[in-house]
């Protein structure tokens, strides 16, 4: 939680995480503003406006590339 906003995290081992019913339920149960799915792949991308798939490499970095745009973690959590 930051500034009264909840953030959800889920860790996946598959190559290309996608939207699933379990992720939707987790986001609703946690009542999270933003939901991050961390996985061991290379590419980071968005699933929807409030859900981001982040590679493990990018999760460790201060800045990340999301949909061909360089974005800082702080800009994501300011949402």
PDB file of N, CA and C in Angstrom:
ATOM      1  N   UNK A   1       0.842  -1.166   0.000  1.00  0.00           N
ATOM      2  CA  UNK A   1       0.000   0.000   0.000  1.00  0.00           C
ATOM      3  C   UNK A   1       0.892   1.235   0.000  1.00  0.00           C
ATOM      4  N   UNK A   2       0.547   2.192  -0.829  1.00  0.00           N
ATOM      5  CA  UNK A   2       1.268   3.458  -0.889  1.00  0.00           C
ATOM      6  C   UNK A   2       0.239   4.561  -1.088  1.00  0.00           C
ATOM      7  N   UNK A   3       0.329   5.575  -0.274  1.00  0.00           N
ATOM      8  CA  UNK A   3      -0.606   6.705  -0.338  1.00  0.00           C
ATOM      9  C   UNK A   3      -2.058   6.240  -0.320  1.00  0.00           C
ATOM     10  N   UNK A   4      -2.339   5.205   0.471  1.00  0.00           N
ATOM     11  CA  UNK A   4      -3.697   4.697   0.593  1.00  0.00           C
ATOM     12  C   UNK A   4      -4.165   3.829  -0.562  1.00  0.00           C
ATOM     13  N   UNK A   5      -3.288   3.558  -1.509  1.00  0.00           N
ATOM     14  CA  UNK A   5      -3.648   2.727  -2.657  1.00  0.00           C
ATOM     15  C   UNK A   5      -3.025   1.341  -2.502  1.00  0.00           C
ATOM     16  N   UNK A   6      -3.775   0.324  -2.871  1.00  0.00           N
ATOM     17  CA  UNK A   6      -3.299  -1.058  -2.776  1.00  0.00           C
ATOM     18  C   UNK A   6      -2.709  -1.521  -4.101  1.00  0.00           C
ATOM     19  N   UNK A   7      -1.633  -2.287  -3.978  1.00  0.00           N
ATOM     20  CA  UNK A   7      -0.971  -2.867  -5.133  1.00  0.00           C
ATOM     21  C   UNK A   7      -0.950  -4.373  -4.963  1.00  0.00           C
ATOM     22  N   UNK A   8      -1.316  -5.096  -6.007  1.00  0.00           N
ATOM     23  CA  UNK A   8      -1.291  -6.547  -5.966  1.00  0.00           C
ATOM     24  C   UNK A   8      -0.123  -7.082  -6.777  1.00  0.00           C
ATOM     25  N   UNK A   9       0.441  -8.190  -6.298  1.00  0.00           N
ATOM     26  CA  UNK A   9       1.546  -8.844  -6.993  1.00  0.00           C
ATOM     27  C   UNK A   9       1.256 -10.329  -7.097  1.00  0.00           C
ATOM     28  N   UNK A  10       1.566 -10.883  -8.246  1.00  0.00           N
ATOM     29  CA  UNK A  10       1.474 -12.324  -8.424  1.00  0.00           C
ATOM     30  C   UNK A  10       2.712 -12.745  -9.198  1.00  0.00           C
ATOM     31  N   UNK A  11       3.266 -13.878  -8.805  1.00  0.00           N
ATOM     32  CA  UNK A  11       4.470 -14.391  -9.458  1.00  0.00           C
ATOM     33  C   UNK A  11       4.110 -15.633 -10.252  1.00  0.00           C
ATOM     34  N   UNK A  12       4.497 -15.639 -11.520  1.00  0.00           N
ATOM     35  CA  UNK A  12       4.194 -16.751 -12.424  1.00  0.00           C
ATOM     36  C   UNK A  12       5.491 -17.352 -12.951  1.00  0.00           C
ATOM     37  N   UNK A  13       5.452 -18.619 -13.288  1.00  0.00           N
ATOM     38  CA  UNK A  13       6.628 -19.302 -13.852  1.00  0.00           C
ATOM     39  C   UNK A  13       6.487 -19.562 -15.343  1.00  0.00           C
ATOM     40  N   UNK A  14       5.337 -19.264 -15.929  1.00  0.00           N
ATOM     41  CA  UNK A  14       5.156 -19.558 -17.354  1.00  0.00           C
ATOM     42  C   UNK A  14       5.778 -18.476 -18.236  1.00  0.00           C
ATOM     43  N   UNK A  15       5.881 -18.740 -19.523  1.00  0.00           N
ATOM     44  CA  UNK A  15       6.584 -17.873 -20.461  1.00  0.00           C
ATOM     45  C   UNK A  15       5.846 -16.585 -20.805  1.00  0.00           C
ATOM     46  N   UNK A  16       4.539 -16.637 -20.876  1.00  0.00           N
ATOM     47  CA  UNK A  16       3.773 -15.462 -21.297  1.00  0.00           C
ATOM     48  C   UNK A  16       2.480 -15.372 -20.488  1.00  0.00           C
ATOM     49  N   UNK A  17       2.544 -14.776 -19.307  1.00  0.00           N
ATOM     50  CA  UNK A  17       1.327 -14.664 -18.501  1.00  0.00           C
ATOM     51  C   UNK A  17       0.231 -13.909 -19.244  1.00  0.00           C
ATOM     52  N   UNK A  18      -0.980 -14.320 -19.013  1.00  0.00           N
ATOM     53  CA  UNK A  18      -2.144 -13.677 -19.642  1.00  0.00           C
ATOM     54  C   UNK A  18      -3.235 -13.524 -18.585  1.00  0.00           C
ATOM     55  N   UNK A  19      -4.262 -12.814 -18.952  1.00  0.00           N
ATOM     56  CA  UNK A  19      -5.388 -12.609 -18.042  1.00  0.00           C
ATOM     57  C   UNK A  19      -6.112 -13.932 -17.812  1.00  0.00           C
ATOM     58  N   UNK A  20      -6.262 -14.300 -16.566  1.00  0.00           N
ATOM     59  CA  UNK A  20      -6.992 -15.516 -16.219  1.00  0.00           C
ATOM     60  C   UNK A  20      -8.052 -15.179 -15.178  1.00  0.00           C
ATOM     61  N   UNK A  21      -8.974 -16.078 -14.973  1.00  0.00           N
ATOM     62  CA  UNK A  21     -10.000 -15.857 -13.953  1.00  0.00           C
ATOM     63  C   UNK A  21      -9.379 -15.716 -12.569  1.00  0.00           C
ATOM     64  N   UNK A  22      -8.334 -16.498 -12.268  1.00  0.00           N
ATOM     65  CA  UNK A  22      -7.713 -16.418 -10.945  1.00  0.00           C
ATOM     66  C   UNK A  22      -7.068 -15.053 -10.709  1.00  0.00           C
ATOM     67  N   UNK A  23      -6.488 -14.468 -11.754  1.00  0.00           N
ATOM     68  CA  UNK A  23      -5.893 -13.129 -11.624  1.00  0.00           C
ATOM     69  C   UNK A  23      -6.987 -12.090 -11.411  1.00  0.00           C
ATOM     70  N   UNK A  24      -8.074 -12.184 -12.156  1.00  0.00           N
ATOM     71  CA  UNK A  24      -9.195 -11.254 -11.978  1.00  0.00           C
ATOM     72  C   UNK A  24      -9.750 -11.333 -10.556  1.00  0.00           C
ATOM     73  N   UNK A  25      -9.918 -12.555 -10.061  1.00  0.00           N
ATOM     74  CA  UNK A  25     -10.446 -12.755  -8.714  1.00  0.00           C
ATOM     75  C   UNK A  25      -9.475 -12.196  -7.675  1.00  0.00           C
ATOM     76  N   UNK A  26      -8.178 -12.446  -7.859  1.00  0.00           N
ATOM     77  CA  UNK A  26      -7.180 -11.922  -6.922  1.00  0.00           C
ATOM     78  C   UNK A  26      -7.206 -10.402  -6.902  1.00  0.00           C
ATOM     79  N   UNK A  27      -7.302  -9.776  -8.057  1.00  0.00           N
ATOM     80  CA  UNK A  27      -7.348  -8.314  -8.118  1.00  0.00           C
ATOM     81  C   UNK A  27      -8.588  -7.790  -7.408  1.00  0.00           C
ATOM     82  N   UNK A  28      -9.718  -8.436  -7.606  1.00  0.00           N
ATOM     83  CA  UNK A  28     -10.954  -8.007  -6.947  1.00  0.00           C
ATOM     84  C   UNK A  28     -10.895  -8.250  -5.444  1.00  0.00           C
ATOM     85  N   UNK A  29     -10.404  -9.432  -5.035  1.00  0.00           N
ATOM     86  CA  UNK A  29     -10.319  -9.752  -3.605  1.00  0.00           C
ATOM     87  C   UNK A  29      -9.385  -8.806  -2.864  1.00  0.00           C
ATOM     88  N   UNK A  30      -8.273  -8.459  -3.508  1.00  0.00           N
ATOM     89  CA  UNK A  30      -7.311  -7.551  -2.883  1.00  0.00           C
ATOM     90  C   UNK A  30      -7.741  -6.092  -2.999  1.00  0.00           C
ATOM     91  N   UNK A  31      -8.712  -5.841  -3.866  1.00  0.00           N
ATOM     92  CA  UNK A  31      -9.172  -4.479  -4.129  1.00  0.00           C
ATOM     93  C   UNK A  31      -7.986  -3.583  -4.493  1.00  0.00           C
ATOM     94  N   UNK A  32      -7.130  -4.105  -5.383  1.00  0.00           N
ATOM     95  CA  UNK A  32      -5.897  -3.393  -5.730  1.00  0.00           C
ATOM     96  C   UNK A  32      -6.131  -2.371  -6.838  1.00  0.00           C
ATOM     97  N   UNK A  33      -5.440  -1.247  -6.697  1.00  0.00           N
ATOM     98  CA  UNK A  33      -5.498  -0.195  -7.714  1.00  0.00           C
ATOM     99  C   UNK A  33      -4.717  -0.630  -8.957  1.00  0.00           C
ATOM    100  N   UNK A  34      -3.549  -1.237  -8.712  1.00  0.00           N
ATOM    101  CA  UNK A  34      -2.687  -1.714  -9.787  1.00  0.00           C
ATOM    102  C   UNK A  34      -2.244  -3.123  -9.430  1.00  0.00           C
ATOM    103  N   UNK A  35      -2.161  -3.981 -10.436  1.00  0.00           N
ATOM    104  CA  UNK A  35      -1.785  -5.371 -10.212  1.00  0.00           C
ATOM    105  C   UNK A  35      -0.587  -5.699 -11.093  1.00  0.00           C
ATOM    106  N   UNK A  36       0.478  -6.212 -10.494  1.00  0.00           N
ATOM    107  CA  UNK A  36       1.687  -6.582 -11.214  1.00  0.00           C
ATOM    108  C   UNK A  36       1.823  -8.091 -11.240  1.00  0.00           C
ATOM    109  N   UNK A  37       2.117  -8.631 -12.410  1.00  0.00           N
ATOM    110  CA  UNK A  37       2.415 -10.050 -12.557  1.00  0.00           C
ATOM    111  C   UNK A  37       3.890 -10.134 -12.921  1.00  0.00           C
ATOM    112  N   UNK A  38       4.679 -10.720 -12.038  1.00  0.00           N
ATOM    113  CA  UNK A  38       6.118 -10.842 -12.243  1.00  0.00           C
ATOM    114  C   UNK A  38       6.402 -12.238 -12.800  1.00  0.00           C
ATOM    115  N   UNK A  39       7.205 -12.307 -13.858  1.00  0.00           N
ATOM    116  CA  UNK A  39       7.499 -13.608 -14.470  1.00  0.00           C
ATOM    117  C   UNK A  39       8.947 -13.626 -14.968  1.00  0.00           C
ATOM    118  N   UNK A  40       9.526 -14.813 -15.213  1.00  0.00           N
ATOM    119  CA  UNK A  40      10.944 -14.898 -15.575  1.00  0.00           C
ATOM    120  C   UNK A  40      11.254 -14.591 -17.041  1.00  0.00           C
ATOM    121  N   UNK A  41      10.310 -14.092 -17.795  1.00  0.00           N
ATOM    122  CA  UNK A  41      10.526 -13.808 -19.219  1.00  0.00           C
ATOM    123  C   UNK A  41      11.350 -12.549 -19.458  1.00  0.00           C
ATOM    124  N   UNK A  42      11.353 -12.085 -20.696  1.00  0.00           N
ATOM    125  CA  UNK A  42      12.184 -10.961 -21.116  1.00  0.00           C
ATOM    126  C   UNK A  42      11.377  -9.675 -21.293  1.00  0.00           C
ATOM    127  N   UNK A  43      10.175  -9.798 -21.837  1.00  0.00           N
ATOM    128  CA  UNK A  43       9.387  -8.625 -22.235  1.00  0.00           C
ATOM    129  C   UNK A  43       8.377  -8.236 -21.154  1.00  0.00           C
ATOM    130  N   UNK A  44       8.281  -6.929 -20.877  1.00  0.00           N
ATOM    131  CA  UNK A  44       7.246  -6.403 -19.988  1.00  0.00           C
ATOM    132  C   UNK A  44       6.154  -5.783 -20.853  1.00  0.00           C
ATOM    133  N   UNK A  45       4.910  -5.913 -20.422  1.00  0.00           N
ATOM    134  CA  UNK A  45       3.798  -5.401 -21.222  1.00  0.00           C
ATOM    135  C   UNK A  45       2.572  -5.186 -20.340  1.00  0.00           C
ATOM    136  N   UNK A  46       1.578  -4.520 -20.892  1.00  0.00           N
ATOM    137  CA  UNK A  46       0.345  -4.282 -20.154  1.00  0.00           C
ATOM    138  C   UNK A  46      -0.712  -5.298 -20.572  1.00  0.00           C
ATOM    139  N   UNK A  47      -1.538  -5.696 -19.603  1.00  0.00           N
ATOM    140  CA  UNK A  47      -2.691  -6.547 -19.916  1.00  0.00           C
ATOM    141  C   UNK A  47      -3.934  -5.689 -20.037  1.00  0.00           C
ATOM    142  N   UNK A  48      -4.033  -4.706 -19.192  1.00  0.00           N
ATOM    143  CA  UNK A  48      -5.091  -3.704 -19.296  1.00  0.00           C
ATOM    144  C   UNK A  48      -4.627  -2.458 -18.557  1.00  0.00           C
ATOM    145  N   UNK A  49      -5.508  -1.504 -18.366  1.00  0.00           N
ATOM    146  CA  UNK A  49      -5.127  -0.203 -17.811  1.00  0.00           C
ATOM    147  C   UNK A  49      -4.518  -0.291 -16.414  1.00  0.00           C
ATOM    148  N   UNK A  50      -4.900  -1.298 -15.641  1.00  0.00           N
ATOM    149  CA  UNK A  50      -4.429  -1.407 -14.270  1.00  0.00           C
ATOM    150  C   UNK A  50      -3.642  -2.682 -13.993  1.00  0.00           C
ATOM    151  N   UNK A  51      -3.284  -3.414 -15.043  1.00  0.00           N
ATOM    152  CA  UNK A  51      -2.605  -4.684 -14.860  1.00  0.00           C
ATOM    153  C   UNK A  51      -1.380  -4.757 -15.763  1.00  0.00           C
ATOM    154  N   UNK A  52      -0.236  -5.029 -15.146  1.00  0.00           N
ATOM    155  CA  UNK A  52       1.027  -5.023 -15.858  1.00  0.00           C
ATOM    156  C   UNK A  52       1.755  -6.343 -15.669  1.00  0.00           C
ATOM    157  N   UNK A  53       2.311  -6.875 -16.763  1.00  0.00           N
ATOM    158  CA  UNK A  53       3.168  -8.061 -16.712  1.00  0.00           C
ATOM    159  C   UNK A  53       4.597  -7.532 -16.774  1.00  0.00           C
ATOM    160  N   UNK A  54       5.381  -7.862 -15.762  1.00  0.00           N
ATOM    161  CA  UNK A  54       6.737  -7.326 -15.635  1.00  0.00           C
ATOM    162  C   UNK A  54       7.732  -8.477 -15.613  1.00  0.00           C
ATOM    163  N   UNK A  55       8.746  -8.390 -16.464  1.00  0.00           N
ATOM    164  CA  UNK A  55       9.786  -9.421 -16.456  1.00  0.00           C
ATOM    165  C   UNK A  55      10.588  -9.293 -15.162  1.00  0.00           C
ATOM    166  N   UNK A  56      11.155 -10.394 -14.719  1.00  0.00           N
ATOM    167  CA  UNK A  56      11.943 -10.394 -13.491  1.00  0.00           C
ATOM    168  C   UNK A  56      13.115  -9.429 -13.614  1.00  0.00           C
ATOM    169  N   UNK A  57      13.708  -9.375 -14.796  1.00  0.00           N
ATOM    170  CA  UNK A  57      14.819  -8.444 -15.039  1.00  0.00           C
ATOM    171  C   UNK A  57      14.358  -7.001 -14.845  1.00  0.00           C
ATOM    172  N   UNK A  58      13.213  -6.640 -15.429  1.00  0.00           N
ATOM    173  CA  UNK A  58      12.696  -5.276 -15.286  1.00  0.00           C
ATOM    174  C   UNK A  58      12.262  -4.986 -13.851  1.00  0.00           C
ATOM    175  N   UNK A  59      11.778  -5.997 -13.155  1.00  0.00           N
ATOM    176  CA  UNK A  59      11.338  -5.793 -11.775  1.00  0.00           C
ATOM    177  C   UNK A  59      12.508  -5.381 -10.892  1.00  0.00           C
ATOM    178  N   UNK A  60      13.706  -5.804 -11.248  1.00  0.00           N
ATOM    179  CA  UNK A  60      14.885  -5.461 -10.473  1.00  0.00           C
ATOM    180  C   UNK A  60      15.457  -4.101 -10.867  1.00  0.00           C
ATOM    181  N   UNK A  61      15.048  -3.584 -12.008  1.00  0.00           N
ATOM    182  CA  UNK A  61      15.585  -2.322 -12.514  1.00  0.00           C
ATOM    183  C   UNK A  61      14.781  -1.137 -11.997  1.00  0.00           C
ATOM    184  N   UNK A  62      15.395   0.023 -12.005  1.00  0.00           N
ATOM    185  CA  UNK A  62      14.714   1.247 -11.597  1.00  0.00           C
ATOM    186  C   UNK A  62      13.741   1.709 -12.681  1.00  0.00           C
ATOM    187  N   UNK A  63      14.127   1.500 -13.932  1.00  0.00           N
ATOM    188  CA  UNK A  63      13.298   1.885 -15.071  1.00  0.00           C
ATOM    189  C   UNK A  63      12.940   0.622 -15.843  1.00  0.00           C
ATOM    190  N   UNK A  64      11.830   0.645 -16.539  1.00  0.00           N
ATOM    191  CA  UNK A  64      11.468  -0.514 -17.336  1.00  0.00           C
ATOM    192  C   UNK A  64      10.822  -0.067 -18.634  1.00  0.00           C
ATOM    193  N   UNK A  65      10.845  -0.958 -19.597  1.00  0.00           N
ATOM    194  CA  UNK A  65      10.213  -0.675 -20.880  1.00  0.00           C
ATOM    195  C   UNK A  65       8.879  -1.397 -20.920  1.00  0.00           C
ATOM    196  N   UNK A  66       7.831  -0.648 -21.147  1.00  0.00           N
ATOM    197  CA  UNK A  66       6.493  -1.195 -21.161  1.00  0.00           C
ATOM    198  C   UNK A  66       5.816  -0.715 -22.433  1.00  0.00           C
ATOM    199  N   UNK A  67       5.475  -1.641 -23.300  1.00  0.00           N
ATOM    200  CA  UNK A  67       4.875  -1.297 -24.591  1.00  0.00           C
ATOM    201  C   UNK A  67       5.713  -0.276 -25.356  1.00  0.00           C
ATOM    202  N   UNK A  68       7.021  -0.544 -25.409  1.00  0.00           N
ATOM    203  CA  UNK A  68       7.989   0.283 -26.142  1.00  0.00           C
ATOM    204  C   UNK A  68       8.159   1.681 -25.566  1.00  0.00           C
ATOM    205  N   UNK A  69       7.708   1.904 -24.328  1.00  0.00           N
ATOM    206  CA  UNK A  69       7.915   3.188 -23.665  1.00  0.00           C
ATOM    207  C   UNK A  69       8.748   2.935 -22.414  1.00  0.00           C
ATOM    208  N   UNK A  70       9.688   3.837 -22.136  1.00  0.00           N
ATOM    209  CA  UNK A  70      10.467   3.711 -20.918  1.00  0.00           C
ATOM    210  C   UNK A  70       9.660   4.340 -19.785  1.00  0.00           C
ATOM    211  N   UNK A  71       9.439   3.584 -18.747  1.00  0.00           N
ATOM    212  CA  UNK A  71       8.593   4.023 -17.632  1.00  0.00           C
ATOM    213  C   UNK A  71       9.334   3.731 -16.327  1.00  0.00           C
ATOM    214  N   UNK A  72       9.270   4.648 -15.398  1.00  0.00           N
ATOM    215  CA  UNK A  72       9.887   4.379 -14.105  1.00  0.00           C
ATOM    216  C   UNK A  72       8.863   3.756 -13.181  1.00  0.00           C
ATOM    217  N   UNK A  73       9.333   2.951 -12.246  1.00  0.00           N
ATOM    218  CA  UNK A  73       8.428   2.333 -11.266  1.00  0.00           C
ATOM    219  C   UNK A  73       7.652   3.401 -10.527  1.00  0.00           C
ATOM    220  N   UNK A  74       8.309   4.528 -10.217  1.00  0.00           N
ATOM    221  CA  UNK A  74       7.619   5.570  -9.467  1.00  0.00           C
ATOM    222  C   UNK A  74       6.453   6.151 -10.255  1.00  0.00           C
ATOM    223  N   UNK A  75       6.570   6.204 -11.582  1.00  0.00           N
ATOM    224  CA  UNK A  75       5.439   6.714 -12.358  1.00  0.00           C
ATOM    225  C   UNK A  75       4.274   5.728 -12.343  1.00  0.00           C
ATOM    226  N   UNK A  76       4.563   4.424 -12.243  1.00  0.00           N
ATOM    227  CA  UNK A  76       3.492   3.441 -12.175  1.00  0.00           C
ATOM    228  C   UNK A  76       2.765   3.494 -10.841  1.00  0.00           C
ATOM    229  N   UNK A  77       3.508   3.654  -9.764  1.00  0.00           N
ATOM    230  CA  UNK A  77       2.857   3.627  -8.462  1.00  0.00           C
ATOM    231  C   UNK A  77       2.212   4.951  -8.100  1.00  0.00           C
ATOM    232  N   UNK A  78       2.495   6.026  -8.841  1.00  0.00           N
ATOM    233  CA  UNK A  78       1.791   7.299  -8.629  1.00  0.00           C
ATOM    234  C   UNK A  78       0.382   7.229  -9.185  1.00  0.00           C
ATOM    235  N   UNK A  79       0.173   6.395 -10.184  1.00  0.00           N
ATOM    236  CA  UNK A  79      -1.072   6.160 -10.908  1.00  0.00           C
ATOM    237  C   UNK A  79      -2.218   6.990 -10.486  1.00  0.00           C
TER     238      UNK A  79
END
